[in-house]
Amino acid sequence: MNKTKTIILFLILIIVVSSAAINVSRQLSALVEARKMNNNLAMKVDKLTESNKDLNNKIIYATSSAYLENRKNLWKVKNPPAETDYLKPKYQQWFDLFTN
Protein backbone atom coordinates (compact mmCIF):
# COMPACT_ATOMS: atom_id res chain seq x y z
CA MET A 1 0.00 0.00 0.00
CA ASN A 2 2.81 2.38 0.87
CA LYS A 3 4.52 1.63 -2.43
CA THR A 4 1.35 2.46 -4.46
CA LYS A 5 0.98 5.78 -2.63
CA THR A 6 4.55 6.66 -3.54
CA ILE A 7 4.00 5.71 -7.18
CA ILE A 8 0.75 7.72 -7.35
CA LEU A 9 2.40 10.76 -5.76
CA PHE A 10 5.35 10.42 -8.15
CA LEU A 11 2.97 10.26 -11.16
CA ILE A 12 1.04 13.30 -9.89
CA LEU A 13 4.35 15.14 -9.45
CA ILE A 14 5.40 14.25 -13.00
CA ILE A 15 2.05 15.44 -14.36
CA VAL A 16 2.25 18.74 -12.46
CA VAL A 17 5.87 19.39 -13.49
CA SER A 18 5.23 18.53 -17.13
CA SER A 19 2.10 20.72 -17.15
CA ALA A 20 4.08 23.61 -15.66
CA ALA A 21 6.86 23.09 -18.24
CA ILE A 22 4.34 23.14 -21.09
CA ASN A 23 2.77 26.32 -19.70
CA VAL A 24 6.17 28.04 -19.38
CA SER A 25 7.03 27.01 -22.94
CA ARG A 26 3.77 28.46 -24.27
CA GLN A 27 4.27 31.69 -22.33
CA LEU A 28 7.81 32.10 -23.68
CA SER A 29 6.57 31.46 -27.20
CA ALA A 30 3.87 34.10 -26.74
CA LEU A 31 6.45 36.53 -25.36
CA VAL A 32 8.77 36.03 -28.33
CA GLU A 33 5.87 36.56 -30.74
CA ALA A 34 4.77 39.70 -28.88
CA ARG A 35 8.31 41.12 -29.08
CA LYS A 36 8.42 40.50 -32.82
CA MET A 37 5.08 42.25 -33.27
CA ASN A 38 6.29 45.12 -31.07
CA ASN A 39 9.43 45.55 -33.19
CA ASN A 40 7.40 45.49 -36.41
CA LEU A 41 5.00 48.08 -35.05
CA ALA A 42 7.89 50.26 -33.88
CA MET A 43 9.37 50.17 -37.38
CA LYS A 44 5.99 51.09 -38.88
CA VAL A 45 5.67 53.99 -36.43
CA ASP A 46 9.13 55.23 -37.44
CA LYS A 47 8.23 55.06 -41.14
CA LEU A 48 4.93 56.84 -40.56
CA THR A 49 6.68 59.50 -38.48
CA GLU A 50 9.13 60.16 -41.33
CA SER A 51 6.26 60.24 -43.81
CA ASN A 52 4.41 62.67 -41.57
CA LYS A 53 7.47 64.94 -41.40
CA ASP A 54 7.76 64.88 -45.20
CA LEU A 55 4.08 65.71 -45.61
CA ASN A 56 4.34 68.56 -43.09
CA ASN A 57 7.32 69.95 -44.99
CA LYS A 58 5.32 69.75 -48.22
CA ILE A 59 2.42 71.58 -46.56
CA ILE A 60 4.77 74.29 -45.34
CA TYR A 61 6.27 74.62 -48.83
CA ALA A 62 2.85 74.62 -50.51
CA THR A 63 1.75 77.55 -48.36
CA SER A 64 4.99 79.49 -48.85
CA SER A 65 5.53 82.39 -51.20
CA ALA A 66 8.22 80.46 -53.09
CA TYR A 67 5.70 77.81 -54.11
CA LEU A 68 3.17 80.41 -55.15
CA GLU A 69 5.80 82.18 -57.25
CA ASN A 70 6.81 78.90 -58.92
CA ARG A 71 3.16 78.14 -59.58
CA LYS A 72 2.67 81.51 -61.26
CA ASN A 73 5.71 80.87 -63.43
CA LEU A 74 4.34 77.52 -64.53
CA TRP A 75 1.34 79.13 -66.14
CA LYS A 76 3.23 81.86 -67.94
CA VAL A 77 3.60 81.11 -71.62
CA LYS A 78 7.22 81.67 -72.62
CA ASN A 79 6.63 81.96 -76.34
CA PRO A 80 3.14 83.07 -77.23
CA PRO A 81 1.79 81.25 -80.28
CA ALA A 82 2.13 82.94 -83.64
CA GLU A 83 -0.92 83.71 -85.76
CA THR A 84 -0.18 80.76 -88.04
CA ASP A 85 -0.08 78.37 -85.07
CA TYR A 86 -3.86 78.62 -84.75
CA LEU A 87 -4.15 76.84 -88.08
CA LYS A 88 -2.44 73.76 -86.61
CA PRO A 89 -4.56 70.94 -85.19
CA LYS A 90 -5.33 71.18 -81.48
CA TYR A 91 -3.11 68.24 -80.52
CA GLN A 92 -0.17 69.90 -82.27
CA GLN A 93 -0.86 73.19 -80.48
CA TRP A 94 -0.88 71.40 -77.11
CA PHE A 95 2.28 69.52 -77.98
CA ASP A 96 4.03 72.73 -78.96
CA LEU A 97 2.80 74.51 -75.83
CA PHE A 98 4.29 71.92 -73.48
CA THR A 99 7.46 71.11 -75.37
CA ASN A 100 8.64 74.60 -76.26
C-alpha atoms as a PDB file:
ATOM      1  CA  MET A   1       0.000   0.000   0.000  1.00  0.00           C
ATOM      2  CA  ASN A   2       2.810   2.380   0.865  1.00  0.00           C
ATOM      3  CA  LYS A   3       4.520   1.627  -2.432  1.00  0.00           C
ATOM      4  CA  THR A   4       1.352   2.458  -4.457  1.00  0.00           C
ATOM      5  CA  LYS A   5       0.985   5.781  -2.632  1.00  0.00           C
ATOM      6  CA  THR A   6       4.546   6.657  -3.539  1.00  0.00           C
ATOM      7  CA  ILE A   7       4.003   5.711  -7.180  1.00  0.00           C
ATOM      8  CA  ILE A   8       0.748   7.719  -7.353  1.00  0.00           C
ATOM      9  CA  LEU A   9       2.404  10.759  -5.762  1.00  0.00           C
ATOM     10  CA  PHE A  10       5.345  10.421  -8.148  1.00  0.00           C
ATOM     11  CA  LEU A  11       2.967  10.257 -11.156  1.00  0.00           C
ATOM     12  CA  ILE A  12       1.044  13.298  -9.892  1.00  0.00           C
ATOM     13  CA  LEU A  13       4.351  15.143  -9.448  1.00  0.00           C
ATOM     14  CA  ILE A  14       5.402  14.245 -12.999  1.00  0.00           C
ATOM     15  CA  ILE A  15       2.052  15.444 -14.363  1.00  0.00           C
ATOM     16  CA  VAL A  16       2.249  18.741 -12.458  1.00  0.00           C
ATOM     17  CA  VAL A  17       5.870  19.395 -13.485  1.00  0.00           C
ATOM     18  CA  SER A  18       5.229  18.531 -17.130  1.00  0.00           C
ATOM     19  CA  SER A  19       2.102  20.722 -17.152  1.00  0.00           C
ATOM     20  CA  ALA A  20       4.084  23.606 -15.663  1.00  0.00           C
ATOM     21  CA  ALA A  21       6.855  23.089 -18.240  1.00  0.00           C
ATOM     22  CA  ILE A  22       4.341  23.137 -21.092  1.00  0.00           C
ATOM     23  CA  ASN A  23       2.775  26.320 -19.698  1.00  0.00           C
ATOM     24  CA  VAL A  24       6.165  28.040 -19.379  1.00  0.00           C
ATOM     25  CA  SER A  25       7.027  27.010 -22.936  1.00  0.00           C
ATOM     26  CA  ARG A  26       3.771  28.464 -24.266  1.00  0.00           C
ATOM     27  CA  GLN A  27       4.271  31.694 -22.333  1.00  0.00           C
ATOM     28  CA  LEU A  28       7.811  32.098 -23.678  1.00  0.00           C
ATOM     29  CA  SER A  29       6.573  31.464 -27.197  1.00  0.00           C
ATOM     30  CA  ALA A  30       3.866  34.097 -26.745  1.00  0.00           C
ATOM     31  CA  LEU A  31       6.450  36.531 -25.358  1.00  0.00           C
ATOM     32  CA  VAL A  32       8.765  36.030 -28.334  1.00  0.00           C
ATOM     33  CA  GLU A  33       5.870  36.557 -30.744  1.00  0.00           C
ATOM     34  CA  ALA A  34       4.775  39.704 -28.879  1.00  0.00           C
ATOM     35  CA  ARG A  35       8.305  41.124 -29.075  1.00  0.00           C
ATOM     36  CA  LYS A  36       8.420  40.496 -32.821  1.00  0.00           C
ATOM     37  CA  MET A  37       5.083  42.255 -33.267  1.00  0.00           C
ATOM     38  CA  ASN A  38       6.291  45.123 -31.075  1.00  0.00           C
ATOM     39  CA  ASN A  39       9.432  45.546 -33.193  1.00  0.00           C
ATOM     40  CA  ASN A  40       7.400  45.489 -36.410  1.00  0.00           C
ATOM     41  CA  LEU A  41       4.996  48.079 -35.049  1.00  0.00           C
ATOM     42  CA  ALA A  42       7.886  50.259 -33.878  1.00  0.00           C
ATOM     43  CA  MET A  43       9.374  50.172 -37.384  1.00  0.00           C
ATOM     44  CA  LYS A  44       5.987  51.095 -38.880  1.00  0.00           C
ATOM     45  CA  VAL A  45       5.668  53.991 -36.430  1.00  0.00           C
ATOM     46  CA  ASP A  46       9.129  55.232 -37.435  1.00  0.00           C
ATOM     47  CA  LYS A  47       8.234  55.058 -41.138  1.00  0.00           C
ATOM     48  CA  LEU A  48       4.929  56.842 -40.560  1.00  0.00           C
ATOM     49  CA  THR A  49       6.675  59.503 -38.479  1.00  0.00           C
ATOM     50  CA  GLU A  50       9.127  60.155 -41.326  1.00  0.00           C
ATOM     51  CA  SER A  51       6.265  60.241 -43.812  1.00  0.00           C
ATOM     52  CA  ASN A  52       4.405  62.670 -41.565  1.00  0.00           C
ATOM     53  CA  LYS A  53       7.470  64.941 -41.397  1.00  0.00           C
ATOM     54  CA  ASP A  54       7.758  64.878 -45.202  1.00  0.00           C
ATOM     55  CA  LEU A  55       4.076  65.715 -45.609  1.00  0.00           C
ATOM     56  CA  ASN A  56       4.338  68.559 -43.086  1.00  0.00           C
ATOM     57  CA  ASN A  57       7.319  69.950 -44.990  1.00  0.00           C
ATOM     58  CA  LYS A  58       5.322  69.751 -48.220  1.00  0.00           C
ATOM     59  CA  ILE A  59       2.419  71.580 -46.564  1.00  0.00           C
ATOM     60  CA  ILE A  60       4.766  74.288 -45.337  1.00  0.00           C
ATOM     61  CA  TYR A  61       6.269  74.621 -48.832  1.00  0.00           C
ATOM     62  CA  ALA A  62       2.845  74.618 -50.506  1.00  0.00           C
ATOM     63  CA  THR A  63       1.755  77.552 -48.363  1.00  0.00           C
ATOM     64  CA  SER A  64       4.993  79.486 -48.848  1.00  0.00           C
ATOM     65  CA  SER A  65       5.528  82.394 -51.201  1.00  0.00           C
ATOM     66  CA  ALA A  66       8.224  80.455 -53.087  1.00  0.00           C
ATOM     67  CA  TYR A  67       5.696  77.807 -54.112  1.00  0.00           C
ATOM     68  CA  LEU A  68       3.169  80.414 -55.151  1.00  0.00           C
ATOM     69  CA  GLU A  69       5.805  82.182 -57.247  1.00  0.00           C
ATOM     70  CA  ASN A  70       6.807  78.898 -58.921  1.00  0.00           C
ATOM     71  CA  ARG A  71       3.160  78.141 -59.579  1.00  0.00           C
ATOM     72  CA  LYS A  72       2.673  81.507 -61.265  1.00  0.00           C
ATOM     73  CA  ASN A  73       5.715  80.873 -63.430  1.00  0.00           C
ATOM     74  CA  LEU A  74       4.339  77.515 -64.534  1.00  0.00           C
ATOM     75  CA  TRP A  75       1.335  79.127 -66.138  1.00  0.00           C
ATOM     76  CA  LYS A  76       3.226  81.857 -67.938  1.00  0.00           C
ATOM     77  CA  VAL A  77       3.604  81.105 -71.616  1.00  0.00           C
ATOM     78  CA  LYS A  78       7.221  81.667 -72.621  1.00  0.00           C
ATOM     79  CA  ASN A  79       6.630  81.962 -76.344  1.00  0.00           C
ATOM     80  CA  PRO A  80       3.137  83.068 -77.228  1.00  0.00           C
ATOM     81  CA  PRO A  81       1.788  81.248 -80.283  1.00  0.00           C
ATOM     82  CA  ALA A  82       2.125  82.940 -83.639  1.00  0.00           C
ATOM     83  CA  GLU A  83      -0.922  83.711 -85.759  1.00  0.00           C
ATOM     84  CA  THR A  84      -0.181  80.757 -88.039  1.00  0.00           C
ATOM     85  CA  ASP A  85      -0.081  78.368 -85.074  1.00  0.00           C
ATOM     86  CA  TYR A  86      -3.858  78.615 -84.755  1.00  0.00           C
ATOM     87  CA  LEU A  87      -4.154  76.842 -88.078  1.00  0.00           C
ATOM     88  CA  LYS A  88      -2.445  73.761 -86.609  1.00  0.00           C
ATOM     89  CA  PRO A  89      -4.558  70.940 -85.187  1.00  0.00           C
ATOM     90  CA  LYS A  90      -5.329  71.177 -81.484  1.00  0.00           C
ATOM     91  CA  TYR A  91      -3.115  68.241 -80.518  1.00  0.00           C
ATOM     92  CA  GLN A  92      -0.169  69.899 -82.268  1.00  0.00           C
ATOM     93  CA  GLN A  93      -0.856  73.195 -80.477  1.00  0.00           C
ATOM     94  CA  TRP A  94      -0.876  71.395 -77.112  1.00  0.00           C
ATOM     95  CA  PHE A  95       2.276  69.518 -77.978  1.00  0.00           C
ATOM     96  CA  ASP A  96       4.027  72.734 -78.963  1.00  0.00           C
ATOM     97  CA  LEU A  97       2.805  74.506 -75.831  1.00  0.00           C
ATOM     98  CA  PHE A  98       4.288  71.923 -73.478  1.00  0.00           C
ATOM     99  CA  THR A  99       7.459  71.111 -75.375  1.00  0.00           C
ATOM    100  CA  ASN A 100       8.642  74.601 -76.264  1.00  0.00           C
END
